[in-house]
């Protein structure tokens, strides 16, 4: 991602947060859309007492879903938007939140699972390169598995503000560059795809 694209994305999400506050719309989601994406990502495995990195955590909305589903999770959320990170840290003091750019400075730690929800829905120049680079980097930080979602090019509709990816190409990329242990659920609802890549 270019510096210009990064700054544009951060500014866009900051503006959304200022407009919508503690609502899924701050990250471009509806309540229903956010809920079903979180629940699908939680199918990656038993996350109870596991170290979980929520990459692109926004206002930390995934955290209470994980606690409700698994009881106890050692959660870390990372996002580029400082205002969102500060809000999440105050709302969920038992979780850990960081304003951090993995491309600028790599984290010196690993997690059992890395989860990425709706980060790749944002349309921008170079989105194909961005998704490949970020999942490659994210996979280096997991010891058990990586879960991420995106919108399929086989959608029944398109939105110019959203990014879509060819699921066959994404599956091939993951198998060739991450691991052969890959599960893909395509179009399980709407135009969504979820990928689970395991160690």
Protein backbone atom coordinates (compact mmCIF):
# COMPACT_ATOMS: atom_id res chain seq x y z
CA UNK A 1 0.00 0.00 0.00
CA UNK A 2 1.36 3.40 -0.92
CA UNK A 3 1.69 6.10 1.72
CA UNK A 4 -0.98 8.10 -0.08
CA UNK A 5 -3.42 5.17 -0.10
CA UNK A 6 -2.69 4.49 3.58
CA UNK A 7 -3.34 8.10 4.56
CA UNK A 8 -6.57 8.16 2.54
CA UNK A 9 -7.83 4.98 4.18
CA UNK A 10 -6.97 6.15 7.69
CA UNK A 11 -8.68 9.50 7.06
CA UNK A 12 -11.78 7.76 5.71
CA UNK A 13 -12.13 5.47 8.73
CA UNK A 14 -11.40 8.34 11.11
CA UNK A 15 -14.23 10.31 9.51
CA UNK A 16 -16.55 7.32 9.76
CA UNK A 17 -15.72 6.92 13.44
CA UNK A 18 -16.37 10.60 14.11
CA UNK A 19 -19.71 10.28 12.35
CA UNK A 20 -20.98 6.95 13.71
CA UNK A 21 -19.08 6.43 16.97
CA UNK A 22 -19.66 3.10 18.70
CA UNK A 23 -21.51 1.50 15.78
CA UNK A 24 -20.58 -1.10 13.13
CA UNK A 25 -21.01 1.64 10.52
CA UNK A 26 -17.74 3.12 11.77
CA UNK A 27 -15.97 0.28 9.97
CA UNK A 28 -18.36 0.16 7.03
CA UNK A 29 -20.51 -2.69 8.37
CA UNK A 30 -24.11 -3.23 9.38
CA UNK A 31 -24.87 -5.00 12.67
CA UNK A 32 -26.02 -8.14 10.85
CA UNK A 33 -23.10 -8.10 8.44
CA UNK A 34 -20.56 -7.71 11.20
CA UNK A 35 -22.17 -10.43 13.29
CA UNK A 36 -22.20 -13.11 10.61
CA UNK A 37 -18.62 -12.34 9.55
CA UNK A 38 -17.36 -12.60 13.14
CA UNK A 39 -19.21 -15.86 13.71
CA UNK A 40 -17.83 -17.36 10.54
CA UNK A 41 -14.24 -16.42 11.43
CA UNK A 42 -14.74 -18.01 14.85
CA UNK A 43 -15.13 -21.37 13.13
CA UNK A 44 -11.36 -21.45 12.57
CA UNK A 45 -10.93 -23.50 15.76
CA UNK A 46 -11.24 -23.60 19.53
CA UNK A 47 -9.93 -20.20 20.57
CA UNK A 48 -10.43 -20.75 24.31
CA UNK A 49 -7.35 -19.54 26.20
CA UNK A 50 -5.55 -18.94 22.91
CA UNK A 51 -3.54 -15.88 21.94
CA UNK A 52 -5.53 -14.13 19.22
CA UNK A 53 -4.50 -11.16 17.10
CA UNK A 54 -7.36 -9.18 15.57
CA UNK A 55 -5.64 -7.39 12.70
CA UNK A 56 -7.57 -4.27 11.70
CA UNK A 57 -9.61 -4.33 14.89
CA UNK A 58 -11.34 -0.96 14.46
CA UNK A 59 -13.22 -0.16 17.66
CA UNK A 60 -12.66 -3.65 19.08
CA UNK A 61 -16.09 -5.07 18.29
CA UNK A 62 -14.76 -8.59 17.72
CA UNK A 63 -13.51 -8.88 21.30
CA UNK A 64 -16.90 -9.33 23.05
CA UNK A 65 -17.95 -11.89 20.42
CA UNK A 66 -14.82 -13.91 21.14
CA UNK A 67 -15.36 -13.73 24.90
CA UNK A 68 -18.99 -14.73 24.53
CA UNK A 69 -18.09 -17.63 22.28
CA UNK A 70 -15.02 -18.98 24.06
CA UNK A 71 -15.09 -17.60 27.59
CA UNK A 72 -11.45 -16.64 27.80
CA UNK A 73 -9.21 -15.38 25.01
CA UNK A 74 -5.86 -13.58 25.24
CA UNK A 75 -6.78 -10.85 22.79
CA UNK A 76 -4.68 -8.24 21.01
CA UNK A 77 -6.23 -5.80 18.56
CA UNK A 78 -4.20 -3.76 16.08
CA UNK A 79 -5.39 -0.90 13.91
CA UNK A 80 -4.02 2.08 12.01
CA UNK A 81 -6.55 4.60 13.34
CA UNK A 82 -5.39 5.91 16.70
CA UNK A 83 -8.77 7.30 17.73
CA UNK A 84 -10.40 3.91 17.25
CA UNK A 85 -7.66 2.15 19.19
CA UNK A 86 -7.97 4.60 22.09
CA UNK A 87 -11.73 4.13 22.17
CA UNK A 88 -11.44 0.33 22.15
CA UNK A 89 -8.84 0.35 24.93
CA UNK A 90 -11.12 2.38 27.19
CA UNK A 91 -14.20 0.29 26.42
CA UNK A 92 -12.46 -3.08 26.83
CA UNK A 93 -9.76 -2.60 29.50
CA UNK A 94 -9.11 -6.34 29.81
CA UNK A 95 -8.03 -6.55 26.19
CA UNK A 96 -4.87 -5.20 24.60
CA UNK A 97 -4.98 -2.68 21.76
CA UNK A 98 -2.15 -1.20 19.71
CA UNK A 99 -2.02 1.50 17.05
CA UNK A 100 0.49 -0.15 14.78
CA UNK A 101 1.40 -0.57 11.11
CA UNK A 102 2.89 -4.02 10.48
CA UNK A 103 4.45 -2.83 7.24
CA UNK A 104 6.26 0.02 8.97
CA UNK A 105 7.48 -1.95 12.00
CA UNK A 106 7.01 -5.68 12.38
CA UNK A 107 5.78 -7.06 15.70
CA UNK A 108 8.31 -9.13 17.59
CA UNK A 109 5.77 -11.70 18.79
CA UNK A 110 3.52 -14.48 17.57
CA UNK A 111 -0.06 -15.52 18.30
CA UNK A 112 -1.91 -18.80 18.10
CA UNK A 113 -4.38 -17.33 15.62
CA UNK A 114 -4.50 -14.18 13.52
CA UNK A 115 -7.96 -13.04 12.37
CA UNK A 116 -8.69 -10.36 9.77
CA UNK A 117 -12.27 -9.23 9.24
CA UNK A 118 -13.40 -6.90 6.41
CA UNK A 119 -9.99 -5.22 6.12
CA UNK A 120 -9.85 -6.14 2.44
CA UNK A 121 -13.29 -4.76 1.58
CA UNK A 122 -11.93 -1.23 1.23
CA UNK A 123 -11.45 -0.32 -2.45
CA UNK A 124 -8.14 1.32 -3.26
CA UNK A 125 -5.39 1.32 -5.85
CA UNK A 126 -3.19 -1.73 -5.42
CA UNK A 127 -5.70 -3.75 -3.39
CA UNK A 128 -4.61 -7.05 -5.02
CA UNK A 129 -1.01 -6.47 -3.96
CA UNK A 130 -2.12 -5.30 -0.52
CA UNK A 131 -4.14 -8.42 0.34
CA UNK A 132 -1.33 -10.73 -0.70
CA UNK A 133 1.33 -8.86 1.24
CA UNK A 134 -0.75 -8.52 4.39
CA UNK A 135 -1.87 -12.15 4.62
CA UNK A 136 1.72 -13.26 3.98
CA UNK A 137 2.93 -11.06 6.82
CA UNK A 138 0.03 -12.07 9.07
CA UNK A 139 0.70 -15.78 8.53
CA UNK A 140 4.23 -15.31 9.87
CA UNK A 141 2.70 -14.19 13.16
CA UNK A 142 0.45 -17.20 13.73
CA UNK A 143 1.49 -20.56 15.18
CA UNK A 144 -1.82 -22.34 14.52
CA UNK A 145 -3.86 -20.55 11.89
CA UNK A 146 -4.84 -17.46 9.95
CA UNK A 147 -8.45 -16.56 9.16
CA UNK A 148 -9.51 -13.76 6.84
CA UNK A 149 -12.49 -12.78 4.72
CA UNK A 150 -13.05 -10.88 1.50
CA UNK A 151 -15.69 -10.23 -1.15
CA UNK A 152 -15.91 -12.56 -4.14
CA UNK A 153 -15.78 -11.43 -7.76
CA UNK A 154 -18.64 -13.90 -8.24
CA UNK A 155 -20.98 -11.54 -6.39
CA UNK A 156 -24.50 -10.86 -7.62
CA UNK A 157 -23.89 -7.15 -7.16
CA UNK A 158 -20.97 -4.73 -6.88
CA UNK A 159 -20.30 -1.48 -5.07
CA UNK A 160 -17.65 0.91 -6.38
CA UNK A 161 -16.52 1.58 -2.81
CA UNK A 162 -15.81 -2.11 -2.18
CA UNK A 163 -12.97 -4.36 -3.36
CA UNK A 164 -13.60 -7.81 -4.84
CA UNK A 165 -11.15 -10.67 -5.35
CA UNK A 166 -11.10 -13.82 -7.48
CA UNK A 167 -11.48 -16.70 -4.98
CA UNK A 168 -9.67 -19.20 -7.20
CA UNK A 169 -6.64 -16.92 -7.44
CA UNK A 170 -6.67 -16.30 -3.69
CA UNK A 171 -6.86 -20.02 -2.93
CA UNK A 172 -3.97 -20.71 -5.29
CA UNK A 173 -1.90 -17.93 -3.71
CA UNK A 174 -2.46 -19.30 -0.20
CA UNK A 175 -1.56 -22.87 -1.17
CA UNK A 176 1.56 -21.80 -3.05
CA UNK A 177 2.81 -19.19 -0.59
CA UNK A 178 1.41 -19.94 2.87
CA UNK A 179 0.41 -23.56 3.46
CA UNK A 180 -1.29 -26.50 1.80
CA UNK A 181 -3.66 -26.73 4.77
CA UNK A 182 -6.26 -24.29 3.47
CA UNK A 183 -10.05 -24.24 3.79
CA UNK A 184 -12.17 -21.82 1.78
CA UNK A 185 -15.90 -21.24 2.28
CA UNK A 186 -17.25 -19.41 -0.73
CA UNK A 187 -20.47 -17.39 -0.83
CA UNK A 188 -21.69 -18.81 2.50
CA UNK A 189 -23.81 -15.67 2.71
CA UNK A 190 -24.03 -12.67 0.40
CA UNK A 191 -20.78 -12.43 -1.58
CA UNK A 192 -18.47 -13.36 1.25
CA UNK A 193 -15.51 -15.69 1.26
CA UNK A 194 -13.63 -16.86 4.33
CA UNK A 195 -10.22 -18.55 4.24
CA UNK A 196 -8.65 -20.59 7.03
CA UNK A 197 -4.92 -21.26 6.54
CA UNK A 198 -3.41 -23.65 9.09
CA UNK A 199 0.12 -24.51 10.16
